[in-house]
PDB file of N, CA and C in Angstrom:
ATOM      1  N   MET A   1      32.238  12.448   8.902  1.00  0.00           N
ATOM      2  CA  MET A   1      31.309  12.041   7.961  1.00  0.00           C
ATOM      3  C   MET A   1      29.975  12.929   8.361  1.00  0.00           C
ATOM      4  N   LYS A   2      29.326  13.355   7.303  1.00  0.00           N
ATOM      5  CA  LYS A   2      28.167  14.024   7.506  1.00  0.00           C
ATOM      6  C   LYS A   2      27.031  12.934   7.321  1.00  0.00           C
ATOM      7  N   ILE A   3      26.136  12.761   8.257  1.00  0.00           N
ATOM      8  CA  ILE A   3      24.901  11.894   8.126  1.00  0.00           C
ATOM      9  C   ILE A   3      23.823  12.624   7.559  1.00  0.00           C
ATOM     10  N   VAL A   4      23.225  12.021   6.529  1.00  0.00           N
ATOM     11  CA  VAL A   4      22.170  12.749   5.742  1.00  0.00           C
ATOM     12  C   VAL A   4      20.949  11.763   5.598  1.00  0.00           C
ATOM     13  N   GLY A   5      19.901  12.142   4.908  1.00  0.00           N
ATOM     14  CA  GLY A   5      18.765  11.406   4.618  1.00  0.00           C
ATOM     15  C   GLY A   5      17.545  11.667   5.500  1.00  0.00           C
ATOM     16  N   ASN A   6      16.653  10.773   5.420  1.00  0.00           N
ATOM     17  CA  ASN A   6      15.450  10.929   6.246  1.00  0.00           C
ATOM     18  C   ASN A   6      15.683  10.330   7.591  1.00  0.00           C
ATOM     19  N   GLU A   7      14.708  10.346   8.443  1.00  0.00           N
ATOM     20  CA  GLU A   7      14.950   9.971   9.826  1.00  0.00           C
ATOM     21  C   GLU A   7      15.519   8.425   9.961  1.00  0.00           C
ATOM     22  N   ALA A   8      14.876   7.496   9.150  1.00  0.00           N
ATOM     23  CA  ALA A   8      15.271   6.228   9.266  1.00  0.00           C
ATOM     24  C   ALA A   8      16.706   6.023   8.759  1.00  0.00           C
ATOM     25  N   GLU A   9      17.038   6.690   7.644  1.00  0.00           N
ATOM     26  CA  GLU A   9      18.433   6.508   7.100  1.00  0.00           C
ATOM     27  C   GLU A   9      19.418   7.119   8.098  1.00  0.00           C
ATOM     28  N   GLN A  10      19.007   8.205   8.660  1.00  0.00           N
ATOM     29  CA  GLN A  10      19.971   8.783   9.692  1.00  0.00           C
ATOM     30  C   GLN A  10      20.113   7.967  10.893  1.00  0.00           C
ATOM     31  N   THR A  11      19.078   7.334  11.403  1.00  0.00           N
ATOM     32  CA  THR A  11      19.084   6.449  12.524  1.00  0.00           C
ATOM     33  C   THR A  11      19.998   5.178  12.221  1.00  0.00           C
ATOM     34  N   LEU A  12      19.843   4.637  10.957  1.00  0.00           N
ATOM     35  CA  LEU A  12      20.620   3.471  10.660  1.00  0.00           C
ATOM     36  C   LEU A  12      22.154   3.870  10.439  1.00  0.00           C
ATOM     37  N   ALA A  13      22.376   5.012   9.926  1.00  0.00           N
ATOM     38  CA  ALA A  13      23.712   5.505   9.827  1.00  0.00           C
ATOM     39  C   ALA A  13      24.450   5.766  11.170  1.00  0.00           C
ATOM     40  N   TYR A  14      23.629   6.261  12.105  1.00  0.00           N
ATOM     41  CA  TYR A  14      24.179   6.539  13.581  1.00  0.00           C
ATOM     42  C   TYR A  14      24.343   5.024  14.169  1.00  0.00           C
ATOM     43  N   GLN A  15      23.618   4.033  13.933  1.00  0.00           N
ATOM     44  CA  GLN A  15      23.808   2.760  14.435  1.00  0.00           C
ATOM     45  C   GLN A  15      25.040   2.116  13.915  1.00  0.00           C
ATOM     46  N   LEU A  16      25.230   2.246  12.589  1.00  0.00           N
ATOM     47  CA  LEU A  16      26.559   1.696  11.974  1.00  0.00           C
ATOM     48  C   LEU A  16      27.671   2.360  12.449  1.00  0.00           C
ATOM     49  N   VAL A  17      27.616   3.697  12.712  1.00  0.00           N
ATOM     50  CA  VAL A  17      28.789   4.327  13.240  1.00  0.00           C
ATOM     51  C   VAL A  17      29.165   3.972  14.582  1.00  0.00           C
ATOM     52  N   ALA A  18      28.019   3.668  15.476  1.00  0.00           N
ATOM     53  CA  ALA A  18      28.222   3.195  16.737  1.00  0.00           C
ATOM     54  C   ALA A  18      28.905   1.669  16.722  1.00  0.00           C
ATOM     55  N   ASP A  19      28.568   0.952  15.764  1.00  0.00           N
ATOM     56  CA  ASP A  19      29.135  -0.356  15.622  1.00  0.00           C
ATOM     57  C   ASP A  19      30.447  -0.459  14.848  1.00  0.00           C
ATOM     58  N   ARG A  20      30.858   0.821  14.406  1.00  0.00           N
ATOM     59  CA  ARG A  20      32.163   0.891  13.650  1.00  0.00           C
ATOM     60  C   ARG A  20      32.156   0.205  12.347  1.00  0.00           C
ATOM     61  N   ILE A  21      31.029   0.203  11.761  1.00  0.00           N
ATOM     62  CA  ILE A  21      30.868  -0.515  10.440  1.00  0.00           C
ATOM     63  C   ILE A  21      31.069   0.675   9.267  1.00  0.00           C
ATOM     64  N   PRO A  22      32.047   0.582   8.520  1.00  0.00           N
ATOM     65  CA  PRO A  22      32.156   1.578   7.424  1.00  0.00           C
ATOM     66  C   PRO A  22      31.192   1.448   6.469  1.00  0.00           C
ATOM     67  N   PHE A  23      30.569   2.602   6.088  1.00  0.00           N
ATOM     68  CA  PHE A  23      29.546   2.545   4.975  1.00  0.00           C
ATOM     69  C   PHE A  23      29.515   3.958   4.259  1.00  0.00           C
ATOM     70  N   ARG A  24      28.638   4.002   3.276  1.00  0.00           N
ATOM     71  CA  ARG A  24      28.443   5.265   2.445  1.00  0.00           C
ATOM     72  C   ARG A  24      27.030   5.274   2.217  1.00  0.00           C
ATOM     73  N   GLN A  25      26.565   6.609   2.231  1.00  0.00           N
ATOM     74  CA  GLN A  25      25.148   6.868   2.130  1.00  0.00           C
ATOM     75  C   GLN A  25      24.914   7.341   0.625  1.00  0.00           C
ATOM     76  N   HIS A  26      23.707   7.011   0.171  1.00  0.00           N
ATOM     77  CA  HIS A  26      23.414   7.631  -1.128  1.00  0.00           C
ATOM     78  C   HIS A  26      24.358   7.285  -2.138  1.00  0.00           C
ATOM     79  N   TYR A  27      24.818   6.032  -2.147  1.00  0.00           N
ATOM     80  CA  TYR A  27      25.842   5.476  -2.975  1.00  0.00           C
ATOM     81  C   TYR A  27      25.358   5.114  -4.415  1.00  0.00           C
ATOM     82  N   ARG A  28      25.853   5.760  -5.421  1.00  0.00           N
ATOM     83  CA  ARG A  28      25.623   5.489  -6.783  1.00  0.00           C
ATOM     84  C   ARG A  28      26.422   4.208  -7.271  1.00  0.00           C
ATOM     85  N   PHE A  29      25.803   3.178  -7.452  1.00  0.00           N
ATOM     86  CA  PHE A  29      26.448   1.893  -7.672  1.00  0.00           C
ATOM     87  C   PHE A  29      26.665   1.557  -9.177  1.00  0.00           C
ATOM     88  N   SER A  30      25.786   2.317 -10.025  1.00  0.00           N
ATOM     89  CA  SER A  30      25.862   2.156 -11.503  1.00  0.00           C
ATOM     90  C   SER A  30      26.050   3.293 -12.249  1.00  0.00           C
ATOM     91  N   THR A  31      26.778   3.011 -13.298  1.00  0.00           N
ATOM     92  CA  THR A  31      26.909   4.106 -14.331  1.00  0.00           C
ATOM     93  C   THR A  31      25.871   3.949 -15.486  1.00  0.00           C
ATOM     94  N   VAL A  32      25.172   2.800 -15.489  1.00  0.00           N
ATOM     95  CA  VAL A  32      24.128   2.573 -16.480  1.00  0.00           C
ATOM     96  C   VAL A  32      22.888   3.400 -16.173  1.00  0.00           C
ATOM     97  N   ARG A  33      22.359   3.383 -14.826  1.00  0.00           N
ATOM     98  CA  ARG A  33      21.268   4.137 -14.365  1.00  0.00           C
ATOM     99  C   ARG A  33      21.689   5.057 -13.256  1.00  0.00           C
ATOM    100  N   ARG A  34      20.886   5.912 -12.858  1.00  0.00           N
ATOM    101  CA  ARG A  34      21.210   6.883 -11.700  1.00  0.00           C
ATOM    102  C   ARG A  34      20.733   6.396 -10.498  1.00  0.00           C
ATOM    103  N   PHE A  35      20.740   5.032 -10.324  1.00  0.00           N
ATOM    104  CA  PHE A  35      20.197   4.420  -9.035  1.00  0.00           C
ATOM    105  C   PHE A  35      21.219   4.660  -7.940  1.00  0.00           C
ATOM    106  N   GLU A  36      20.714   4.873  -6.770  1.00  0.00           N
ATOM    107  CA  GLU A  36      21.589   4.922  -5.551  1.00  0.00           C
ATOM    108  C   GLU A  36      21.049   4.025  -4.508  1.00  0.00           C
ATOM    109  N   LEU A  37      21.987   3.577  -3.746  1.00  0.00           N
ATOM    110  CA  LEU A  37      21.611   2.741  -2.460  1.00  0.00           C
ATOM    111  C   LEU A  37      21.460   3.779  -1.186  1.00  0.00           C
ATOM    112  N   ASP A  38      20.457   3.484  -0.386  1.00  0.00           N
ATOM    113  CA  ASP A  38      20.345   4.333   0.850  1.00  0.00           C
ATOM    114  C   ASP A  38      21.701   4.288   1.654  1.00  0.00           C
ATOM    115  N   ILE A  39      22.101   2.978   1.916  1.00  0.00           N
ATOM    116  CA  ILE A  39      23.364   2.685   2.510  1.00  0.00           C
ATOM    117  C   ILE A  39      24.140   1.566   1.698  1.00  0.00           C
ATOM    118  N   ALA A  40      25.476   1.804   1.638  1.00  0.00           N
ATOM    119  CA  ALA A  40      26.275   0.845   0.867  1.00  0.00           C
ATOM    120  C   ALA A  40      27.366   0.517   1.615  1.00  0.00           C
ATOM    121  N   ILE A  41      27.813  -0.703   1.632  1.00  0.00           N
ATOM    122  CA  ILE A  41      29.139  -1.261   2.124  1.00  0.00           C
ATOM    123  C   ILE A  41      29.828  -1.746   0.999  1.00  0.00           C
ATOM    124  N   PRO A  42      30.510  -0.849   0.121  1.00  0.00           N
ATOM    125  CA  PRO A  42      30.935  -1.244  -1.149  1.00  0.00           C
ATOM    126  C   PRO A  42      32.077  -2.422  -1.043  1.00  0.00           C
ATOM    127  N   GLU A  43      32.917  -2.357   0.034  1.00  0.00           N
ATOM    128  CA  GLU A  43      34.001  -3.422   0.127  1.00  0.00           C
ATOM    129  C   GLU A  43      33.294  -4.823   0.134  1.00  0.00           C
ATOM    130  N   HIS A  44      32.166  -5.026   0.615  1.00  0.00           N
ATOM    131  CA  HIS A  44      31.553  -6.219   0.783  1.00  0.00           C
ATOM    132  C   HIS A  44      30.350  -6.346  -0.203  1.00  0.00           C
ATOM    133  N   ARG A  45      30.167  -5.321  -1.046  1.00  0.00           N
ATOM    134  CA  ARG A  45      29.074  -5.360  -2.074  1.00  0.00           C
ATOM    135  C   ARG A  45      27.663  -5.638  -1.355  1.00  0.00           C
ATOM    136  N   ILE A  46      27.520  -4.901  -0.223  1.00  0.00           N
ATOM    137  CA  ILE A  46      26.296  -5.014   0.487  1.00  0.00           C
ATOM    138  C   ILE A  46      25.538  -3.700   0.395  1.00  0.00           C
ATOM    139  N   GLY A  47      24.289  -3.749  -0.046  1.00  0.00           N
ATOM    140  CA  GLY A  47      23.431  -2.635  -0.182  1.00  0.00           C
ATOM    141  C   GLY A  47      22.294  -2.651   0.654  1.00  0.00           C
ATOM    142  N   VAL A  48      21.866  -1.652   1.273  1.00  0.00           N
ATOM    143  CA  VAL A  48      20.684  -1.591   2.178  1.00  0.00           C
ATOM    144  C   VAL A  48      19.760  -0.513   1.671  1.00  0.00           C
ATOM    145  N   GLU A  49      18.519  -0.939   1.522  1.00  0.00           N
ATOM    146  CA  GLU A  49      17.436   0.005   1.172  1.00  0.00           C
ATOM    147  C   GLU A  49      16.365   0.146   2.308  1.00  0.00           C
ATOM    148  N   ILE A  50      15.901   1.222   2.627  1.00  0.00           N
ATOM    149  CA  ILE A  50      14.937   1.553   3.623  1.00  0.00           C
ATOM    150  C   ILE A  50      13.762   1.901   2.867  1.00  0.00           C
ATOM    151  N   ASP A  51      12.664   1.030   2.890  1.00  0.00           N
ATOM    152  CA  ASP A  51      11.482   1.305   2.130  1.00  0.00           C
ATOM    153  C   ASP A  51      10.382   1.935   2.934  1.00  0.00           C
ATOM    154  N   GLY A  52      10.326   3.305   2.853  1.00  0.00           N
ATOM    155  CA  GLY A  52       9.250   3.965   3.500  1.00  0.00           C
ATOM    156  C   GLY A  52       8.159   4.244   2.592  1.00  0.00           C
ATOM    157  N   GLY A  53       6.900   4.567   3.102  1.00  0.00           N
ATOM    158  CA  GLY A  53       5.797   4.767   2.099  1.00  0.00           C
ATOM    159  C   GLY A  53       5.185   3.484   1.669  1.00  0.00           C
ATOM    160  N   VAL A  54       5.610   2.328   2.124  1.00  0.00           N
ATOM    161  CA  VAL A  54       5.043   1.055   1.492  1.00  0.00           C
ATOM    162  C   VAL A  54       3.446   1.006   1.748  1.00  0.00           C
ATOM    163  N   TYR A  55       3.105   1.653   2.798  1.00  0.00           N
ATOM    164  CA  TYR A  55       1.687   1.443   3.108  1.00  0.00           C
ATOM    165  C   TYR A  55       0.754   2.538   2.596  1.00  0.00           C
ATOM    166  N   THR A  56       1.329   3.577   2.074  1.00  0.00           N
ATOM    167  CA  THR A  56       0.621   4.696   1.580  1.00  0.00           C
ATOM    168  C   THR A  56       0.515   4.884   0.072  1.00  0.00           C
ATOM    169  N   ARG A  57       0.964   3.895  -0.591  1.00  0.00           N
ATOM    170  CA  ARG A  57       0.970   3.826  -2.017  1.00  0.00           C
ATOM    171  C   ARG A  57       1.702   4.920  -2.584  1.00  0.00           C
ATOM    172  N   GLN A  58       2.709   5.562  -1.920  1.00  0.00           N
ATOM    173  CA  GLN A  58       3.489   6.586  -2.416  1.00  0.00           C
ATOM    174  C   GLN A  58       4.875   5.935  -2.428  1.00  0.00           C
ATOM    175  N   ALA A  59       5.841   6.665  -3.207  1.00  0.00           N
ATOM    176  CA  ALA A  59       7.200   6.241  -3.312  1.00  0.00           C
ATOM    177  C   ALA A  59       7.386   4.729  -3.599  1.00  0.00           C
ATOM    178  N   HIS A  60       7.959   3.936  -2.650  1.00  0.00           N
ATOM    179  CA  HIS A  60       8.185   2.529  -2.941  1.00  0.00           C
ATOM    180  C   HIS A  60       6.793   1.653  -3.033  1.00  0.00           C
ATOM    181  N   GLY A  61       5.705   2.360  -2.580  1.00  0.00           N
ATOM    182  CA  GLY A  61       4.459   1.524  -2.613  1.00  0.00           C
ATOM    183  C   GLY A  61       3.640   1.840  -3.865  1.00  0.00           C
ATOM    184  N   SER A  62       4.014   2.749  -4.718  1.00  0.00           N
ATOM    185  CA  SER A  62       3.304   3.002  -5.992  1.00  0.00           C
ATOM    186  C   SER A  62       3.673   1.919  -7.034  1.00  0.00           C
ATOM    187  N   ILE A  63       2.850   1.858  -8.001  1.00  0.00           N
ATOM    188  CA  ILE A  63       3.188   0.889  -9.031  1.00  0.00           C
ATOM    189  C   ILE A  63       4.427   1.221  -9.781  1.00  0.00           C
ATOM    190  N   SER A  64       4.743   2.498 -10.009  1.00  0.00           N
ATOM    191  CA  SER A  64       5.934   2.944 -10.704  1.00  0.00           C
ATOM    192  C   SER A  64       7.144   2.790  -9.865  1.00  0.00           C
ATOM    193  N   GLY A  65       6.908   2.986  -8.475  1.00  0.00           N
ATOM    194  CA  GLY A  65       7.975   2.739  -7.498  1.00  0.00           C
ATOM    195  C   GLY A  65       8.343   1.310  -7.317  1.00  0.00           C
ATOM    196  N   ILE A  66       7.314   0.447  -7.373  1.00  0.00           N
ATOM    197  CA  ILE A  66       7.650  -1.012  -7.371  1.00  0.00           C
ATOM    198  C   ILE A  66       8.474  -1.419  -8.519  1.00  0.00           C
ATOM    199  N   LYS A  67       7.931  -1.003  -9.780  1.00  0.00           N
ATOM    200  CA  LYS A  67       8.678  -1.260 -10.893  1.00  0.00           C
ATOM    201  C   LYS A  67      10.109  -0.862 -10.920  1.00  0.00           C
ATOM    202  N   ARG A  68      10.307   0.365 -10.428  1.00  0.00           N
ATOM    203  CA  ARG A  68      11.740   1.078 -10.400  1.00  0.00           C
ATOM    204  C   ARG A  68      12.521   0.196  -9.341  1.00  0.00           C
ATOM    205  N   ASP A  69      11.999  -0.181  -8.156  1.00  0.00           N
ATOM    206  CA  ASP A  69      12.827  -0.972  -7.197  1.00  0.00           C
ATOM    207  C   ASP A  69      13.072  -2.345  -7.806  1.00  0.00           C
ATOM    208  N   MET A  70      12.218  -2.895  -8.549  1.00  0.00           N
ATOM    209  CA  MET A  70      12.457  -4.264  -9.120  1.00  0.00           C
ATOM    210  C   MET A  70      13.675  -4.071 -10.065  1.00  0.00           C
ATOM    211  N   GLU A  71      13.658  -3.071 -11.000  1.00  0.00           N
ATOM    212  CA  GLU A  71      14.793  -2.856 -11.980  1.00  0.00           C
ATOM    213  C   GLU A  71      16.105  -2.694 -11.146  1.00  0.00           C
ATOM    214  N   LYS A  72      16.000  -1.762 -10.169  1.00  0.00           N
ATOM    215  CA  LYS A  72      17.257  -1.464  -9.401  1.00  0.00           C
ATOM    216  C   LYS A  72      17.769  -2.693  -8.703  1.00  0.00           C
ATOM    217  N   HIS A  73      16.888  -3.470  -8.111  1.00  0.00           N
ATOM    218  CA  HIS A  73      17.363  -4.717  -7.359  1.00  0.00           C
ATOM    219  C   HIS A  73      17.971  -5.637  -8.306  1.00  0.00           C
ATOM    220  N   ASN A  74      17.298  -5.905  -9.496  1.00  0.00           N
ATOM    221  CA  ASN A  74      17.970  -6.837 -10.493  1.00  0.00           C
ATOM    222  C   ASN A  74      19.360  -6.397 -10.898  1.00  0.00           C
ATOM    223  N   LEU A  75      19.525  -5.077 -11.245  1.00  0.00           N
ATOM    224  CA  LEU A  75      20.771  -4.563 -11.554  1.00  0.00           C
ATOM    225  C   LEU A  75      21.850  -4.754 -10.468  1.00  0.00           C
ATOM    226  N   LEU A  76      21.353  -4.573  -9.290  1.00  0.00           N
ATOM    227  CA  LEU A  76      22.422  -4.779  -8.134  1.00  0.00           C
ATOM    228  C   LEU A  76      22.818  -6.285  -8.145  1.00  0.00           C
ATOM    229  N   VAL A  77      21.789  -7.131  -8.133  1.00  0.00           N
ATOM    230  CA  VAL A  77      22.096  -8.551  -8.181  1.00  0.00           C
ATOM    231  C   VAL A  77      23.079  -9.013  -9.334  1.00  0.00           C
ATOM    232  N   LEU A  78      22.765  -8.471 -10.470  1.00  0.00           N
ATOM    233  CA  LEU A  78      23.561  -8.853 -11.770  1.00  0.00           C
ATOM    234  C   LEU A  78      24.939  -8.354 -11.557  1.00  0.00           C
ATOM    235  N   GLN A  79      25.190  -7.287 -10.738  1.00  0.00           N
ATOM    236  CA  GLN A  79      26.567  -6.732 -10.482  1.00  0.00           C
ATOM    237  C   GLN A  79      27.160  -7.326  -9.304  1.00  0.00           C
ATOM    238  N   GLY A  80      26.545  -8.309  -8.671  1.00  0.00           N
ATOM    239  CA  GLY A  80      27.218  -9.112  -7.676  1.00  0.00           C
ATOM    240  C   GLY A  80      26.941  -8.499  -6.194  1.00  0.00           C
ATOM    241  N   TRP A  81      25.953  -7.649  -6.023  1.00  0.00           N
ATOM    242  CA  TRP A  81      25.684  -7.015  -4.795  1.00  0.00           C
ATOM    243  C   TRP A  81      24.523  -7.961  -4.093  1.00  0.00           C
ATOM    244  N   ARG A  82      24.624  -7.941  -2.709  1.00  0.00           N
ATOM    245  CA  ARG A  82      23.687  -8.551  -1.880  1.00  0.00           C
ATOM    246  C   ARG A  82      22.753  -7.452  -1.194  1.00  0.00           C
ATOM    247  N   VAL A  83      21.588  -7.476  -1.283  1.00  0.00           N
ATOM    248  CA  VAL A  83      20.780  -6.407  -0.876  1.00  0.00           C
ATOM    249  C   VAL A  83      19.865  -6.786   0.322  1.00  0.00           C
ATOM    250  N   LEU A  84      19.866  -5.883   1.268  1.00  0.00           N
ATOM    251  CA  LEU A  84      18.836  -6.017   2.368  1.00  0.00           C
ATOM    252  C   LEU A  84      17.817  -4.962   2.338  1.00  0.00           C
ATOM    253  N   ARG A  85      16.646  -5.227   2.468  1.00  0.00           N
ATOM    254  CA  ARG A  85      15.558  -4.087   2.538  1.00  0.00           C
ATOM    255  C   ARG A  85      14.810  -4.152   3.890  1.00  0.00           C
ATOM    256  N   PHE A  86      14.618  -2.935   4.457  1.00  0.00           N
ATOM    257  CA  PHE A  86      13.982  -2.890   5.679  1.00  0.00           C
ATOM    258  C   PHE A  86      12.967  -1.784   5.765  1.00  0.00           C
ATOM    259  N   ARG A  87      12.062  -1.865   6.494  1.00  0.00           N
ATOM    260  CA  ARG A  87      11.089  -0.764   6.922  1.00  0.00           C
ATOM    261  C   ARG A  87      11.595   0.169   7.927  1.00  0.00           C
ATOM    262  N   PRO A  88      11.179   1.347   8.065  1.00  0.00           N
ATOM    263  CA  PRO A  88      11.678   2.313   9.041  1.00  0.00           C
ATOM    264  C   PRO A  88      11.528   1.742  10.446  1.00  0.00           C
ATOM    265  N   ASP A  89      10.454   1.021  10.701  1.00  0.00           N
ATOM    266  CA  ASP A  89      10.179   0.421  12.036  1.00  0.00           C
ATOM    267  C   ASP A  89      11.250  -0.540  12.337  1.00  0.00           C
ATOM    268  N   GLU A  90      11.736  -1.281  11.414  1.00  0.00           N
ATOM    269  CA  GLU A  90      12.829  -2.341  11.635  1.00  0.00           C
ATOM    270  C   GLU A  90      14.148  -1.576  11.899  1.00  0.00           C
ATOM    271  N   VAL A  91      14.380  -0.374  11.305  1.00  0.00           N
ATOM    272  CA  VAL A  91      15.609   0.335  11.647  1.00  0.00           C
ATOM    273  C   VAL A  91      15.544   0.826  13.118  1.00  0.00           C
ATOM    274  N   ALA A  92      14.362   1.392  13.470  1.00  0.00           N
ATOM    275  CA  ALA A  92      14.067   1.842  14.839  1.00  0.00           C
ATOM    276  C   ALA A  92      14.405   0.895  15.854  1.00  0.00           C
ATOM    277  N   CYS A  93      13.858  -0.397  15.716  1.00  0.00           N
ATOM    278  CA  CYS A  93      14.079  -1.436  16.686  1.00  0.00           C
ATOM    279  C   CYS A  93      15.387  -2.136  16.648  1.00  0.00           C
ATOM    280  N   GLY A  94      16.236  -1.796  15.763  1.00  0.00           N
ATOM    281  CA  GLY A  94      17.566  -2.365  15.689  1.00  0.00           C
ATOM    282  C   GLY A  94      17.730  -3.645  14.833  1.00  0.00           C
ATOM    283  N   LYS A  95      16.531  -4.088  14.162  1.00  0.00           N
ATOM    284  CA  LYS A  95      16.589  -5.250  13.301  1.00  0.00           C
ATOM    285  C   LYS A  95      17.463  -5.070  12.084  1.00  0.00           C
ATOM    286  N   ALA A  96      17.422  -3.860  11.619  1.00  0.00           N
ATOM    287  CA  ALA A  96      18.220  -3.521  10.302  1.00  0.00           C
ATOM    288  C   ALA A  96      19.724  -3.736  10.563  1.00  0.00           C
ATOM    289  N   VAL A  97      20.178  -2.950  11.707  1.00  0.00           N
ATOM    290  CA  VAL A  97      21.550  -3.109  11.907  1.00  0.00           C
ATOM    291  C   VAL A  97      22.118  -4.530  12.314  1.00  0.00           C
ATOM    292  N   GLU A  98      21.209  -5.235  12.980  1.00  0.00           N
ATOM    293  CA  GLU A  98      21.476  -6.572  13.279  1.00  0.00           C
ATOM    294  C   GLU A  98      21.587  -7.363  11.995  1.00  0.00           C
ATOM    295  N   GLY A  99      20.720  -7.287  11.061  1.00  0.00           N
ATOM    296  CA  GLY A  99      20.774  -7.956   9.859  1.00  0.00           C
ATOM    297  C   GLY A  99      22.084  -7.650   9.075  1.00  0.00           C
ATOM    298  N   ILE A 100      22.512  -6.401   9.078  1.00  0.00           N
ATOM    299  CA  ILE A 100      23.658  -6.031   8.457  1.00  0.00           C
ATOM    300  C   ILE A 100      24.955  -6.642   9.090  1.00  0.00           C
ATOM    301  N   ARG A 101      24.922  -6.611  10.486  1.00  0.00           N
ATOM    302  CA  ARG A 101      25.939  -7.401  11.114  1.00  0.00           C
ATOM    303  C   ARG A 101      26.128  -8.840  10.842  1.00  0.00           C
ATOM    304  N   ASP A 102      24.957  -9.489  10.758  1.00  0.00           N
ATOM    305  CA  ASP A 102      24.770 -10.927  10.410  1.00  0.00           C
ATOM    306  C   ASP A 102      25.337 -11.151   8.946  1.00  0.00           C
ATOM    307  N   LEU A 103      24.971 -10.336   8.038  1.00  0.00           N
ATOM    308  CA  LEU A 103      25.474 -10.536   6.765  1.00  0.00           C
ATOM    309  C   LEU A 103      27.011 -10.261   6.625  1.00  0.00           C
ATOM    310  N   LEU A 104      27.575  -9.254   7.274  1.00  0.00           N
ATOM    311  CA  LEU A 104      28.985  -9.083   7.329  1.00  0.00           C
ATOM    312  C   LEU A 104      29.694 -10.180   8.002  1.00  0.00           C
ATOM    313  N   MET A 105      29.109 -10.844   8.968  1.00  0.00           N
ATOM    314  CA  MET A 105      29.839 -11.930   9.687  1.00  0.00           C
ATOM    315  C   MET A 105      29.811 -13.074   8.717  1.00  0.00           C
ATOM    316  N   ALA A 106      28.755 -13.269   7.981  1.00  0.00           N
ATOM    317  CA  ALA A 106      28.711 -14.321   6.951  1.00  0.00           C
ATOM    318  C   ALA A 106      29.653 -14.051   5.803  1.00  0.00           C
ATOM    319  N   SER A 107      30.074 -12.846   5.652  1.00  0.00           N
ATOM    320  CA  SER A 107      30.993 -12.443   4.479  1.00  0.00           C
ATOM    321  C   SER A 107      32.423 -12.696   4.755  1.00  0.00           C
ATOM    322  N   VAL A 108      32.738 -12.744   6.172  1.00  0.00           N
ATOM    323  CA  VAL A 108      34.030 -12.810   6.498  1.00  0.00           C
ATOM    324  C   VAL A 108      34.631 -14.254   6.474  1.00  0.00           C
ATOM    325  N   PRO A 109      35.648 -14.538   5.644  1.00  0.00           N
ATOM    326  CA  PRO A 109      36.117 -15.945   5.452  1.00  0.00           C
ATOM    327  C   PRO A 109      36.545 -16.392   6.934  1.00  0.00           C
ATOM    328  N   ALA A 110      36.367 -17.712   7.219  1.00  0.00           N
ATOM    329  CA  ALA A 110      36.919 -18.240   8.525  1.00  0.00           C
ATOM    330  C   ALA A 110      38.431 -18.389   8.397  1.00  0.00           C
ATOM    331  N   THR A 111      38.974 -18.147   9.511  1.00  0.00           N
ATOM    332  CA  THR A 111      40.496 -18.464   9.508  1.00  0.00           C
ATOM    333  C   THR A 111      40.754 -19.645  10.369  1.00  0.00           C
ATOM    334  N   GLY A 112      41.887 -20.184  10.134  1.00  0.00           N
ATOM    335  CA  GLY A 112      42.237 -21.343  11.117  1.00  0.00           C
ATOM    336  C   GLY A 112      42.535 -22.564  10.342  1.00  0.00           C
TER     337      GLY A 112
END
């Protein structure tokens, strides 16, 4: 698997590889719009977005970026996805991969 993306996306991808969590990067989840998830775990319909630029009013922090993210998020939810959103600093400190692990554990049906 080739790891791609910006620094935070690559860091999270390597953390997921280390935890043996299968994932896909830049996953196009819709045929309606050309939206992609930064990280997807399609088998569990879990999507992860890393929101950089939130403090600079660029990308995710611009008005058009916020509107686009809202449309994307709503489309994901309507299609049955659960979405986690993290800042790059949350990826760096391990909070993102911990949140993904927690959501995966909550997704696994109890046996017994």
